[in-house]
């Protein structure tokens, strides 16, 4: 009887660890990497600046990336 309880506990801990790892990966993937001004213009993007926000590249696919 103890084996199923331990197995359940191990599986529960593994499931929780997997969920937290996925959350971390998702959070990192949500922030696009910076792009250079040259790469932005080559990709057909438009550079815009906002007060206090820095420069941003708006790409043709609708995504926005910060300028490095």
N, C-alpha and C. Protein backbone atom coordinates (compact mmCIF):
# COMPACT_ATOMS: atom_id res chain seq x y z
N UNK A 1 0.81 -1.21 0.00
CA UNK A 1 0.00 0.00 0.00
C UNK A 1 0.85 1.27 0.00
N UNK A 2 2.05 1.18 0.51
CA UNK A 2 2.88 2.39 0.57
C UNK A 2 3.44 2.76 -0.80
N UNK A 3 3.63 1.82 -1.65
CA UNK A 3 4.21 2.10 -2.97
C UNK A 3 3.31 3.03 -3.77
N UNK A 4 1.99 2.79 -3.88
CA UNK A 4 1.16 3.71 -4.65
C UNK A 4 1.14 5.13 -4.07
N UNK A 5 1.18 5.25 -2.75
CA UNK A 5 1.19 6.59 -2.14
C UNK A 5 2.48 7.33 -2.49
N UNK A 6 3.59 6.64 -2.39
CA UNK A 6 4.87 7.28 -2.73
C UNK A 6 4.92 7.62 -4.21
N UNK A 7 4.41 6.71 -5.02
CA UNK A 7 4.40 6.96 -6.46
C UNK A 7 3.54 8.18 -6.77
N UNK A 8 2.40 8.28 -6.11
CA UNK A 8 1.53 9.44 -6.29
C UNK A 8 2.22 10.73 -5.88
N UNK A 9 2.94 10.69 -4.77
CA UNK A 9 3.66 11.87 -4.31
C UNK A 9 4.76 12.27 -5.29
N UNK A 10 5.50 11.28 -5.77
CA UNK A 10 6.57 11.56 -6.73
C UNK A 10 5.99 12.15 -8.01
N UNK A 11 4.90 11.59 -8.50
CA UNK A 11 4.28 12.12 -9.72
C UNK A 11 3.73 13.52 -9.50
N UNK A 12 3.18 13.79 -8.32
CA UNK A 12 2.67 15.13 -8.03
C UNK A 12 3.78 16.15 -8.04
N UNK A 13 4.89 15.84 -7.40
CA UNK A 13 6.03 16.75 -7.36
C UNK A 13 6.58 16.97 -8.76
N UNK A 14 6.67 15.91 -9.54
CA UNK A 14 7.18 16.03 -10.91
C UNK A 14 6.26 16.90 -11.76
N UNK A 15 4.96 16.74 -11.57
CA UNK A 15 4.01 17.54 -12.34
C UNK A 15 4.12 19.02 -11.97
N UNK A 16 4.26 19.31 -10.68
CA UNK A 16 4.40 20.70 -10.26
C UNK A 16 5.70 21.30 -10.78
N UNK A 17 6.77 20.54 -10.75
CA UNK A 17 8.04 21.03 -11.27
C UNK A 17 7.95 21.29 -12.77
N UNK A 18 7.25 20.43 -13.49
CA UNK A 18 7.09 20.63 -14.93
C UNK A 18 6.27 21.85 -15.25
N UNK A 19 5.23 22.12 -14.48
CA UNK A 19 4.40 23.30 -14.72
C UNK A 19 5.19 24.56 -14.47
N UNK A 20 6.00 24.59 -13.41
CA UNK A 20 6.76 25.80 -13.14
C UNK A 20 7.85 26.01 -14.18
N UNK A 21 8.43 24.95 -14.69
CA UNK A 21 9.45 25.09 -15.74
C UNK A 21 8.83 25.62 -17.02
N UNK A 22 7.63 25.17 -17.36
CA UNK A 22 6.96 25.65 -18.56
C UNK A 22 6.61 27.12 -18.40
N UNK A 23 6.18 27.52 -17.22
CA UNK A 23 5.86 28.92 -16.98
C UNK A 23 7.07 29.82 -17.16
N UNK A 24 8.22 29.36 -16.71
CA UNK A 24 9.45 30.14 -16.85
C UNK A 24 9.84 30.27 -18.31
N UNK A 25 9.76 29.20 -19.06
CA UNK A 25 10.10 29.23 -20.48
C UNK A 25 9.15 30.14 -21.23
N UNK A 26 7.86 30.08 -20.90
CA UNK A 26 6.87 30.92 -21.56
C UNK A 26 7.14 32.39 -21.28
N UNK A 27 7.49 32.71 -20.06
CA UNK A 27 7.76 34.10 -19.70
C UNK A 27 8.98 34.62 -20.45
N UNK A 28 9.99 33.80 -20.60
CA UNK A 28 11.18 34.22 -21.33
C UNK A 28 10.88 34.37 -22.81
N UNK A 29 10.06 33.53 -23.34
CA UNK A 29 9.74 33.58 -24.76
C UNK A 29 8.86 34.77 -25.11
N UNK A 30 8.14 35.31 -24.14
CA UNK A 30 7.23 36.41 -24.41
C UNK A 30 7.97 37.70 -24.70
N UNK A 31 9.19 37.85 -24.25
CA UNK A 31 9.97 39.06 -24.47
C UNK A 31 10.89 38.84 -25.66
N UNK A 32 10.65 39.55 -26.76
CA UNK A 32 11.51 39.35 -27.94
C UNK A 32 12.90 39.92 -27.70
N UNK A 33 13.92 39.35 -28.32
CA UNK A 33 15.27 39.87 -28.17
C UNK A 33 15.40 41.20 -28.90
N UNK A 34 16.33 42.05 -28.47
CA UNK A 34 16.54 43.33 -29.16
C UNK A 34 17.02 43.11 -30.59
N UNK A 35 16.74 44.06 -31.43
CA UNK A 35 17.15 44.02 -32.83
C UNK A 35 17.92 45.29 -33.13
N UNK A 36 18.85 45.24 -34.06
CA UNK A 36 19.61 46.45 -34.42
C UNK A 36 18.79 47.28 -35.41
N UNK A 37 19.15 48.54 -35.53
CA UNK A 37 18.45 49.42 -36.49
C UNK A 37 18.61 48.91 -37.91
N UNK A 38 19.81 48.42 -38.23
CA UNK A 38 20.06 47.92 -39.58
C UNK A 38 19.21 46.68 -39.87
N UNK A 39 19.15 45.76 -38.92
CA UNK A 39 18.37 44.54 -39.11
C UNK A 39 16.88 44.88 -39.23
N UNK A 40 16.44 45.90 -38.52
CA UNK A 40 15.04 46.32 -38.59
C UNK A 40 14.69 46.82 -39.98
N UNK A 41 15.52 47.70 -40.52
CA UNK A 41 15.23 48.25 -41.84
C UNK A 41 15.37 47.20 -42.94
N UNK A 42 16.34 46.29 -42.81
CA UNK A 42 16.52 45.22 -43.79
C UNK A 42 15.29 44.31 -43.80
N UNK A 43 14.69 44.08 -42.64
CA UNK A 43 13.51 43.22 -42.52
C UNK A 43 12.23 43.94 -42.93
N UNK A 44 12.34 45.22 -43.32
CA UNK A 44 11.17 45.96 -43.75
C UNK A 44 10.40 46.60 -42.61
N UNK A 45 11.04 46.71 -41.44
CA UNK A 45 10.38 47.30 -40.28
C UNK A 45 10.51 48.81 -40.25
N UNK A 46 9.71 49.41 -39.38
CA UNK A 46 9.76 50.86 -39.19
C UNK A 46 10.16 51.14 -37.75
N UNK A 47 11.09 52.07 -37.58
CA UNK A 47 11.58 52.42 -36.25
C UNK A 47 10.77 53.59 -35.73
N UNK A 48 10.30 53.43 -34.50
CA UNK A 48 9.59 54.52 -33.85
C UNK A 48 10.15 54.70 -32.46
N UNK A 49 10.08 55.92 -31.95
CA UNK A 49 10.56 56.21 -30.61
C UNK A 49 9.41 56.77 -29.78
N UNK A 50 9.48 56.49 -28.51
CA UNK A 50 8.48 57.05 -27.60
C UNK A 50 9.20 57.69 -26.43
N UNK A 51 8.64 58.75 -25.86
CA UNK A 51 9.31 59.42 -24.75
C UNK A 51 9.48 58.46 -23.57
N UNK A 52 10.71 58.25 -23.17
CA UNK A 52 11.01 57.39 -22.04
C UNK A 52 10.95 55.91 -22.35
N UNK A 53 10.52 55.54 -23.54
CA UNK A 53 10.39 54.13 -23.87
C UNK A 53 11.49 53.61 -24.76
N UNK A 54 12.28 54.49 -25.35
CA UNK A 54 13.33 54.05 -26.25
C UNK A 54 12.80 53.80 -27.65
N UNK A 55 13.65 53.24 -28.49
CA UNK A 55 13.29 52.97 -29.88
C UNK A 55 12.74 51.56 -30.01
N UNK A 56 11.74 51.41 -30.88
CA UNK A 56 11.10 50.12 -31.12
C UNK A 56 11.00 49.90 -32.62
N UNK A 57 11.21 48.65 -33.05
CA UNK A 57 11.07 48.28 -34.44
C UNK A 57 9.73 47.59 -34.64
N UNK A 58 8.88 48.14 -35.50
CA UNK A 58 7.60 47.52 -35.85
C UNK A 58 7.80 46.76 -37.15
N UNK A 59 7.75 45.43 -37.07
CA UNK A 59 7.99 44.58 -38.23
C UNK A 59 6.70 44.36 -39.03
N UNK A 60 6.83 44.01 -40.31
CA UNK A 60 5.65 43.82 -41.15
C UNK A 60 4.67 42.74 -40.64
N UNK A 61 5.16 41.77 -39.86
CA UNK A 61 4.26 40.73 -39.36
C UNK A 61 3.45 41.19 -38.15
N UNK A 62 3.64 42.43 -37.73
CA UNK A 62 2.88 42.97 -36.61
C UNK A 62 3.60 42.91 -35.28
N UNK A 63 4.74 42.25 -35.23
CA UNK A 63 5.49 42.16 -33.97
C UNK A 63 6.30 43.44 -33.75
N UNK A 64 6.62 43.68 -32.50
CA UNK A 64 7.42 44.85 -32.13
C UNK A 64 8.59 44.38 -31.31
N UNK A 65 9.79 44.87 -31.64
CA UNK A 65 11.00 44.48 -30.91
C UNK A 65 11.75 45.73 -30.50
N UNK A 66 12.34 45.71 -29.29
CA UNK A 66 13.15 46.87 -28.86
C UNK A 66 14.42 46.95 -29.70
N UNK A 67 14.87 48.18 -29.92
CA UNK A 67 16.12 48.42 -30.66
C UNK A 67 17.29 48.33 -29.68
N UNK A 68 18.31 47.56 -30.07
CA UNK A 68 19.50 47.40 -29.20
C UNK A 68 20.39 48.59 -29.33
